[in-house]
Amino acid sequence: MQENKYGRIIWHAVFWLIWIGTTQLVVYVMIGTIDALSLVTNYLPSICWFYFCCLVLFKGVFASKKARITKLLFIILLFPIFHFTRFILLVFLSGYEATIEQLIRRADVGYSLSYFMQYTIFAVGYSYFVYSLERQKRIQELELNNRQLEIQQLHTEFNFLKAQINPHFLYNTLNTLFSHAQYYSEELANNILKLSEIMRYSIEGLDKDNGMVNLKNEIHYLHNLIDIHQLRFSNELQIDFTVTGPVGDFKIPPLVFITFVENALKYGELKNRNHPLIIRLDATPEKVYFYCQNRKKKKVIEKSSGIGIQNVLRRLDVSYKGKYDVVTSNEEEFYTLELTLYV
């Protein structure tokens, strides 16, 4: 902090040396001489006035219209003090050798007004520049804080969902049931194993690779989820699930596609052979395209709150901000969702 302060002072000093040197060089070229007395009486009050404006007068002036009007009136009232300061400097620096008339003539009001207005404009420009930089910095800090809070909230929500029931207890219990079920029914054991894998994926999904998972793991989870639902409904569900393209290296947030499929399984009419649940997942080196369409149930006992889908979209905003598209179609008979993730 101290280094920044001293660095700013040095830069200001260098600027004033260059500014005064340049203006005096122009004066010397024009009239062939430099008046040391005028140099002090013109620049010293002007530079002091500049810093008074920047450090005191213009503090907060750009954030309030009322403050701008008040400060403008105050500036007008301060001009006589500025002019009187130049006059006093002339009196002391001239060594009382000049007459009052000569001093008054030398401390010309026009010169005072010229320097006063010039350095007031300098102060306005500099103060606005500093205000703009500070405002932009505050905006960036707020955006960063909001983004961090958003990520933290998503982690909290996800952890809250995982903590509803002790997930590790359920996972270990399912493994135990799988071991016992192998002696009685291979089909039952395999479905318990699938349910165990679903539990494990739900528990560990957010804790690996910065909260990202391989697309092939998500697809494997989808197959397990569909198989479990088929078991519940005696394989009567009509589901057309197709995956195309290379899916091995693509990374996505966990439980993205699952949420959409679970929504379709819960609210879709899935026993009609003519209108199956259609799930398409197509991967290319540039993008992953997901398509899900289901026929809607005529009577829905529990209306969807949409919280799960909203949570997915917020997580996509964090992981794929500006690099994904979502299109939904909620028709009278069908609900369709399309999601495209870009590399």
Protein backbone atom coordinates (compact mmCIF):
# COMPACT_ATOMS: atom_id res chain seq x y z
CA MET A 1 0.00 0.00 0.00
CA GLN A 2 2.82 2.40 0.93
CA GLU A 3 4.68 1.55 -2.29
CA ASN A 4 1.59 2.41 -4.36
CA LYS A 5 1.23 5.71 -2.50
CA TYR A 6 4.85 6.73 -3.08
CA GLY A 7 4.69 5.55 -6.67
CA ARG A 8 1.66 7.76 -7.29
CA ILE A 9 3.47 10.77 -5.77
CA ILE A 10 6.47 10.18 -8.03
CA TRP A 11 4.28 9.91 -11.13
CA HIS A 12 2.49 13.15 -10.23
CA ALA A 13 5.81 14.94 -9.66
CA VAL A 14 7.13 13.71 -13.02
CA PHE A 15 3.94 14.88 -14.73
CA TRP A 16 4.16 18.39 -13.26
CA LEU A 17 7.84 18.70 -14.16
CA ILE A 18 7.08 17.72 -17.76
CA TRP A 19 4.01 19.97 -17.91
CA ILE A 20 5.70 23.05 -16.47
CA GLY A 21 8.87 22.43 -18.47
CA THR A 22 6.92 22.12 -21.72
CA THR A 23 4.80 25.23 -21.16
CA GLN A 24 7.82 27.31 -20.16
CA LEU A 25 9.72 26.11 -23.21
CA VAL A 26 6.87 27.38 -25.37
CA VAL A 27 6.96 30.74 -23.52
CA TYR A 28 10.73 30.98 -23.98
CA VAL A 29 10.44 30.28 -27.70
CA MET A 30 7.75 32.95 -28.06
CA ILE A 31 9.21 35.81 -25.97
CA GLY A 32 12.81 34.74 -25.40
CA THR A 33 12.76 34.85 -21.58
CA ILE A 34 11.33 33.10 -18.50
CA ASP A 35 10.01 35.08 -15.55
CA ALA A 36 10.79 33.12 -12.36
CA LEU A 37 8.37 35.23 -10.30
CA SER A 38 5.48 34.53 -12.66
CA LEU A 39 6.47 30.88 -12.71
CA VAL A 40 5.94 30.59 -8.95
CA THR A 41 2.88 32.83 -8.64
CA ASN A 42 1.09 31.15 -11.54
CA TYR A 43 1.84 27.46 -10.99
CA LEU A 44 2.04 27.13 -7.21
CA PRO A 45 -1.54 28.37 -6.51
CA SER A 46 -2.82 26.50 -9.59
CA ILE A 47 -1.35 23.15 -8.55
CA CYS A 48 -2.56 23.63 -4.96
CA TRP A 49 -6.03 24.43 -6.30
CA PHE A 50 -5.92 21.30 -8.50
CA TYR A 51 -5.24 19.01 -5.54
CA PHE A 52 -7.78 20.78 -3.34
CA CYS A 53 -10.40 20.08 -5.99
CA CYS A 54 -9.35 16.44 -6.46
CA LEU A 55 -8.90 15.51 -2.81
CA VAL A 56 -11.62 17.61 -1.18
CA LEU A 57 -14.01 19.44 -3.46
CA PHE A 58 -14.84 16.71 -6.00
CA LYS A 59 -15.16 13.78 -3.58
CA GLY A 60 -18.46 12.07 -4.42
CA VAL A 61 -19.46 14.84 -6.83
CA PHE A 62 -20.04 12.48 -9.78
CA ALA A 63 -22.45 10.27 -7.86
CA SER A 64 -24.92 13.05 -7.02
CA LYS A 65 -26.49 15.72 -9.25
CA LYS A 66 -27.29 17.87 -6.22
CA ALA A 67 -23.65 17.72 -5.12
CA ARG A 68 -22.50 18.88 -8.57
CA ILE A 69 -24.65 22.00 -8.41
CA THR A 70 -23.50 22.80 -4.86
CA LYS A 71 -19.82 22.35 -5.74
CA LEU A 72 -20.19 24.54 -8.85
CA LEU A 73 -21.47 27.42 -6.73
CA PHE A 74 -18.67 26.80 -4.24
CA ILE A 75 -16.06 26.96 -7.02
CA ILE A 76 -17.36 30.36 -8.12
CA LEU A 77 -17.12 31.66 -4.55
CA LEU A 78 -13.55 30.38 -4.20
CA PHE A 79 -12.17 32.26 -7.20
CA PRO A 80 -11.55 35.52 -5.25
CA ILE A 81 -9.48 33.53 -2.72
CA PHE A 82 -7.42 32.05 -5.56
CA HIS A 83 -6.80 35.50 -7.03
CA PHE A 84 -5.94 36.96 -3.61
CA THR A 85 -3.43 34.12 -3.04
CA ARG A 86 -1.60 35.04 -6.25
CA PHE A 87 -1.51 38.66 -5.17
CA ILE A 88 -0.07 37.81 -1.71
CA LEU A 89 2.63 35.66 -3.31
CA LEU A 90 3.57 38.55 -5.59
CA VAL A 91 3.83 40.89 -2.60
CA PHE A 92 6.16 38.62 -0.62
CA LEU A 93 8.26 37.37 -3.53
CA SER A 94 8.76 40.84 -5.04
CA GLY A 95 10.46 41.97 -1.81
CA TYR A 96 8.11 44.98 -1.49
CA GLU A 97 10.07 46.75 -4.25
CA ALA A 98 7.09 47.14 -6.57
CA THR A 99 4.28 49.60 -5.97
CA ILE A 100 0.72 48.48 -5.21
CA GLU A 101 -0.37 49.57 -8.69
CA GLN A 102 2.37 47.45 -10.29
CA LEU A 103 1.46 44.43 -8.17
CA ILE A 104 -2.23 44.75 -8.97
CA ARG A 105 -1.42 45.07 -12.66
CA ARG A 106 0.88 42.06 -12.51
CA ALA A 107 -1.67 39.97 -10.60
CA ASP A 108 -4.09 40.46 -13.48
CA VAL A 109 -7.62 39.12 -12.85
CA GLY A 110 -7.72 37.76 -16.38
CA TYR A 111 -4.58 35.68 -15.78
CA SER A 112 -5.98 34.43 -12.49
CA LEU A 113 -9.29 33.46 -14.12
CA SER A 114 -7.45 31.72 -16.96
CA TYR A 115 -5.33 29.57 -14.62
CA PHE A 116 -8.28 29.01 -12.28
CA MET A 117 -10.51 27.68 -15.07
CA GLN A 118 -7.74 25.67 -16.71
CA TYR A 119 -6.78 23.80 -13.55
CA THR A 120 -10.41 23.36 -12.54
CA ILE A 121 -10.97 21.58 -15.85
CA PHE A 122 -7.83 19.50 -15.22
CA ALA A 123 -9.18 18.55 -11.80
CA VAL A 124 -12.59 17.62 -13.21
CA GLY A 125 -11.01 15.38 -15.85
CA TYR A 126 -8.61 13.71 -13.43
CA SER A 127 -11.28 13.21 -10.75
CA TYR A 128 -13.68 11.67 -13.24
CA PHE A 129 -10.94 9.38 -14.53
CA VAL A 130 -10.17 8.18 -10.98
CA TYR A 131 -13.90 7.84 -10.21
CA SER A 132 -14.43 5.73 -13.36
CA LEU A 133 -11.52 3.43 -12.49
CA GLU A 134 -12.74 2.96 -8.92
CA ARG A 135 -16.31 2.38 -10.09
CA GLN A 136 -15.17 -0.22 -12.64
CA LYS A 137 -13.07 -1.93 -9.97
CA ARG A 138 -16.06 -2.06 -7.60
CA ILE A 139 -18.25 -3.53 -10.35
CA GLN A 140 -15.65 -6.22 -11.11
CA GLU A 141 -15.32 -7.04 -7.40
CA LEU A 142 -19.11 -7.31 -7.06
CA GLU A 143 -19.32 -9.58 -10.11
CA LEU A 144 -16.52 -11.76 -8.72
CA ASN A 145 -18.18 -11.91 -5.29
CA ASN A 146 -21.56 -12.76 -6.86
CA ARG A 147 -19.97 -15.52 -8.92
CA GLN A 148 -18.21 -16.96 -5.87
CA LEU A 149 -21.46 -16.81 -3.88
CA GLU A 150 -23.27 -18.52 -6.74
CA ILE A 151 -20.71 -21.34 -6.83
CA GLN A 152 -20.84 -21.64 -3.05
CA GLN A 153 -24.64 -21.76 -3.13
CA LEU A 154 -24.61 -24.50 -5.75
CA HIS A 155 -22.20 -26.57 -3.68
CA THR A 156 -24.37 -26.00 -0.61
CA GLU A 157 -27.53 -27.04 -2.45
CA PHE A 158 -25.84 -30.13 -3.84
CA ASN A 159 -24.42 -31.12 -0.46
CA PHE A 160 -27.82 -30.51 1.13
CA LEU A 161 -29.43 -32.89 -1.33
CA LYS A 162 -26.77 -35.50 -0.62
CA ALA A 163 -27.26 -35.13 3.12
CA GLN A 164 -31.03 -35.70 3.17
CA ILE A 165 -30.37 -39.35 4.01
CA ASN A 166 -26.95 -40.63 5.03
CA PRO A 167 -25.81 -41.59 1.51
CA HIS A 168 -22.82 -43.68 2.56
CA PHE A 169 -25.04 -45.76 4.82
CA LEU A 170 -27.38 -46.49 1.91
CA TYR A 171 -24.48 -47.21 -0.42
CA ASN A 172 -22.90 -49.69 1.99
CA THR A 173 -26.29 -51.28 2.70
CA LEU A 174 -26.90 -51.81 -1.02
CA ASN A 175 -23.53 -53.51 -1.36
CA THR A 176 -24.45 -55.83 1.49
CA LEU A 177 -27.81 -56.62 -0.12
CA PHE A 178 -26.04 -57.30 -3.42
CA SER A 179 -23.78 -59.85 -1.73
CA HIS A 180 -26.76 -61.70 -0.23
CA ALA A 181 -28.94 -61.42 -3.35
CA GLN A 182 -26.37 -63.22 -5.51
CA TYR A 183 -27.37 -66.50 -3.83
CA TYR A 184 -31.06 -66.12 -4.68
CA SER A 185 -31.48 -64.12 -7.92
CA GLU A 186 -28.88 -62.93 -10.39
CA GLU A 187 -31.34 -60.40 -11.85
CA LEU A 188 -32.12 -58.98 -8.41
CA ALA A 189 -28.42 -58.81 -7.57
CA ASN A 190 -27.61 -56.99 -10.81
CA ASN A 191 -30.33 -54.41 -10.22
CA ILE A 192 -29.14 -53.84 -6.66
CA LEU A 193 -25.64 -53.32 -8.07
CA LYS A 194 -27.00 -50.77 -10.54
CA LEU A 195 -28.80 -48.94 -7.75
CA SER A 196 -25.57 -49.00 -5.74
CA GLU A 197 -23.69 -47.48 -8.69
CA ILE A 198 -26.34 -44.76 -8.95
CA MET A 199 -25.89 -43.94 -5.27
CA ARG A 200 -22.11 -43.87 -5.61
CA TYR A 201 -22.27 -41.60 -8.66
CA SER A 202 -24.65 -39.21 -6.89
CA ILE A 203 -22.36 -39.05 -3.85
CA GLU A 204 -19.02 -38.66 -5.62
CA GLY A 205 -20.06 -36.80 -8.77
CA LEU A 206 -19.35 -33.27 -7.53
CA ASP A 207 -16.17 -34.13 -5.66
CA LYS A 208 -13.95 -35.03 -8.63
CA ASP A 209 -12.18 -33.02 -11.33
CA ASN A 210 -13.42 -29.64 -10.09
CA GLY A 211 -17.03 -30.79 -10.13
CA MET A 212 -16.89 -32.21 -13.68
CA VAL A 213 -17.39 -35.81 -14.84
CA ASN A 214 -16.77 -37.73 -18.04
CA LEU A 215 -19.72 -37.85 -20.40
CA LYS A 216 -19.41 -41.64 -20.66
CA ASN A 217 -19.97 -41.90 -16.87
CA GLU A 218 -23.12 -39.81 -17.17
CA ILE A 219 -24.35 -42.08 -19.98
CA HIS A 220 -23.61 -45.19 -17.91
CA TYR A 221 -25.58 -43.65 -15.06
CA LEU A 222 -28.47 -42.94 -17.46
CA HIS A 223 -28.58 -46.58 -18.55
CA ASN A 224 -28.65 -47.72 -14.92
CA LEU A 225 -31.41 -45.25 -14.10
CA ILE A 226 -33.54 -46.45 -17.03
CA ASP A 227 -32.96 -50.10 -16.08
CA ILE A 228 -34.10 -49.45 -12.50
CA HIS A 229 -37.28 -47.78 -13.77
CA GLN A 230 -37.90 -50.67 -16.16
CA LEU A 231 -37.64 -53.01 -13.18
CA ARG A 232 -40.26 -50.98 -11.31
CA PHE A 233 -42.70 -51.18 -14.24
CA SER A 234 -41.95 -54.75 -15.38
CA ASN A 235 -40.15 -53.60 -18.55
CA GLU A 236 -43.31 -51.95 -19.88
CA LEU A 237 -41.75 -48.49 -20.36
CA GLN A 238 -41.25 -47.49 -23.99
CA ILE A 239 -37.88 -45.76 -24.13
CA ASP A 240 -35.80 -45.09 -27.22
CA PHE A 241 -32.30 -44.12 -26.03
CA THR A 242 -29.56 -43.60 -28.64
CA VAL A 243 -25.97 -42.41 -28.21
CA THR A 244 -23.75 -41.49 -31.18
CA GLY A 245 -20.27 -40.04 -31.57
CA PRO A 246 -17.12 -40.05 -29.38
CA VAL A 247 -18.09 -39.46 -25.77
CA GLY A 248 -14.93 -40.51 -23.93
CA ASP A 249 -13.11 -37.24 -23.21
CA PHE A 250 -15.95 -34.76 -22.93
CA LYS A 251 -16.41 -33.21 -19.44
CA ILE A 252 -19.76 -32.02 -18.11
CA PRO A 253 -21.24 -31.06 -14.71
CA PRO A 254 -22.66 -34.20 -13.01
CA LEU A 255 -26.35 -35.11 -13.06
CA VAL A 256 -27.19 -32.70 -15.90
CA PHE A 257 -28.82 -35.08 -18.39
CA ILE A 258 -30.10 -37.28 -15.56
CA THR A 259 -32.22 -34.45 -14.20
CA PHE A 260 -33.96 -33.99 -17.55
CA VAL A 261 -34.51 -37.74 -17.98
CA GLU A 262 -35.82 -38.12 -14.42
CA ASN A 263 -38.28 -35.31 -15.15
CA ALA A 264 -39.47 -37.19 -18.25
CA LEU A 265 -39.74 -40.49 -16.35
CA LYS A 266 -41.78 -38.85 -13.62
CA TYR A 267 -44.20 -36.76 -15.69
CA GLY A 268 -44.26 -38.62 -19.00
CA GLU A 269 -46.73 -41.18 -20.36
CA LEU A 270 -44.23 -43.92 -21.24
CA LYS A 271 -46.31 -47.06 -21.92
CA ASN A 272 -47.54 -46.10 -25.38
CA ARG A 273 -45.54 -47.89 -28.10
CA ASN A 274 -46.44 -45.21 -30.64
CA HIS A 275 -45.10 -42.41 -28.44
CA PRO A 276 -42.00 -43.62 -26.55
CA LEU A 277 -39.69 -41.47 -24.48
CA ILE A 278 -37.06 -40.38 -27.00
CA ILE A 279 -33.55 -39.66 -25.75
CA ARG A 280 -30.83 -38.69 -28.22
CA LEU A 281 -27.25 -37.87 -27.32
CA ASP A 282 -24.86 -36.96 -30.12
CA ALA A 283 -21.22 -36.05 -29.42
CA THR A 284 -18.80 -34.36 -31.82
CA PRO A 285 -15.37 -32.78 -31.19
CA GLU A 286 -17.06 -29.36 -31.07
CA LYS A 287 -20.24 -30.00 -29.08
CA VAL A 288 -22.60 -32.41 -27.35
CA TYR A 289 -26.26 -32.35 -28.37
CA PHE A 290 -28.93 -33.78 -26.04
CA TYR A 291 -32.57 -34.27 -27.04
CA CYS A 292 -35.38 -35.52 -24.79
CA GLN A 293 -39.06 -35.73 -25.73
CA ASN A 294 -41.92 -37.35 -23.83
CA ARG A 295 -45.65 -37.52 -24.15
CA LYS A 296 -47.24 -35.82 -21.15
CA LYS A 297 -49.51 -37.63 -18.72
CA LYS A 298 -53.13 -36.58 -18.98
CA LYS A 299 -53.48 -36.50 -15.20
CA VAL A 300 -50.53 -35.34 -13.14
CA ILE A 301 -50.89 -35.98 -9.41
CA GLU A 302 -47.82 -33.97 -8.42
CA LYS A 303 -47.06 -30.80 -10.35
CA SER A 304 -43.41 -30.14 -11.19
CA SER A 305 -41.76 -27.34 -9.18
CA GLY A 306 -38.97 -26.95 -11.74
CA ILE A 307 -36.36 -26.63 -8.97
CA GLY A 308 -34.21 -29.47 -10.31
CA ILE A 309 -34.05 -28.03 -13.82
CA GLN A 310 -33.38 -24.52 -12.49
CA ASN A 311 -30.51 -25.94 -10.42
CA VAL A 312 -29.04 -27.58 -13.54
CA LEU A 313 -29.24 -24.32 -15.50
CA ARG A 314 -27.51 -22.41 -12.69
CA ARG A 315 -24.72 -24.99 -12.63
CA LEU A 316 -24.38 -24.69 -16.40
CA ASP A 317 -24.10 -20.91 -16.00
CA VAL A 318 -21.10 -21.52 -13.75
CA SER A 319 -19.39 -24.24 -15.82
CA TYR A 320 -20.52 -23.34 -19.36
CA LYS A 321 -21.47 -19.67 -19.19
CA GLY A 322 -22.00 -18.44 -22.74
CA LYS A 323 -21.21 -21.89 -24.17
CA TYR A 324 -24.53 -23.70 -24.02
CA ASP A 325 -28.02 -23.41 -25.51
CA VAL A 326 -31.29 -24.71 -24.05
CA VAL A 327 -34.51 -24.90 -26.06
CA THR A 328 -37.76 -26.20 -24.57
CA SER A 329 -41.16 -26.80 -26.14
CA ASN A 330 -44.14 -27.35 -23.82
CA GLU A 331 -46.96 -28.31 -26.15
CA GLU A 332 -50.37 -29.64 -25.18
CA GLU A 333 -49.38 -33.29 -25.73
CA PHE A 334 -45.56 -33.34 -25.77
CA TYR A 335 -42.71 -31.82 -23.81
CA THR A 336 -39.36 -31.44 -25.61
CA LEU A 337 -35.99 -30.28 -24.33
CA GLU A 338 -32.83 -29.70 -26.36
CA LEU A 339 -29.48 -28.90 -24.76
CA THR A 340 -26.27 -28.15 -26.66
CA LEU A 341 -22.91 -27.89 -24.86
CA TYR A 342 -20.02 -26.36 -26.80
CA VAL A 343 -16.35 -27.16 -26.23
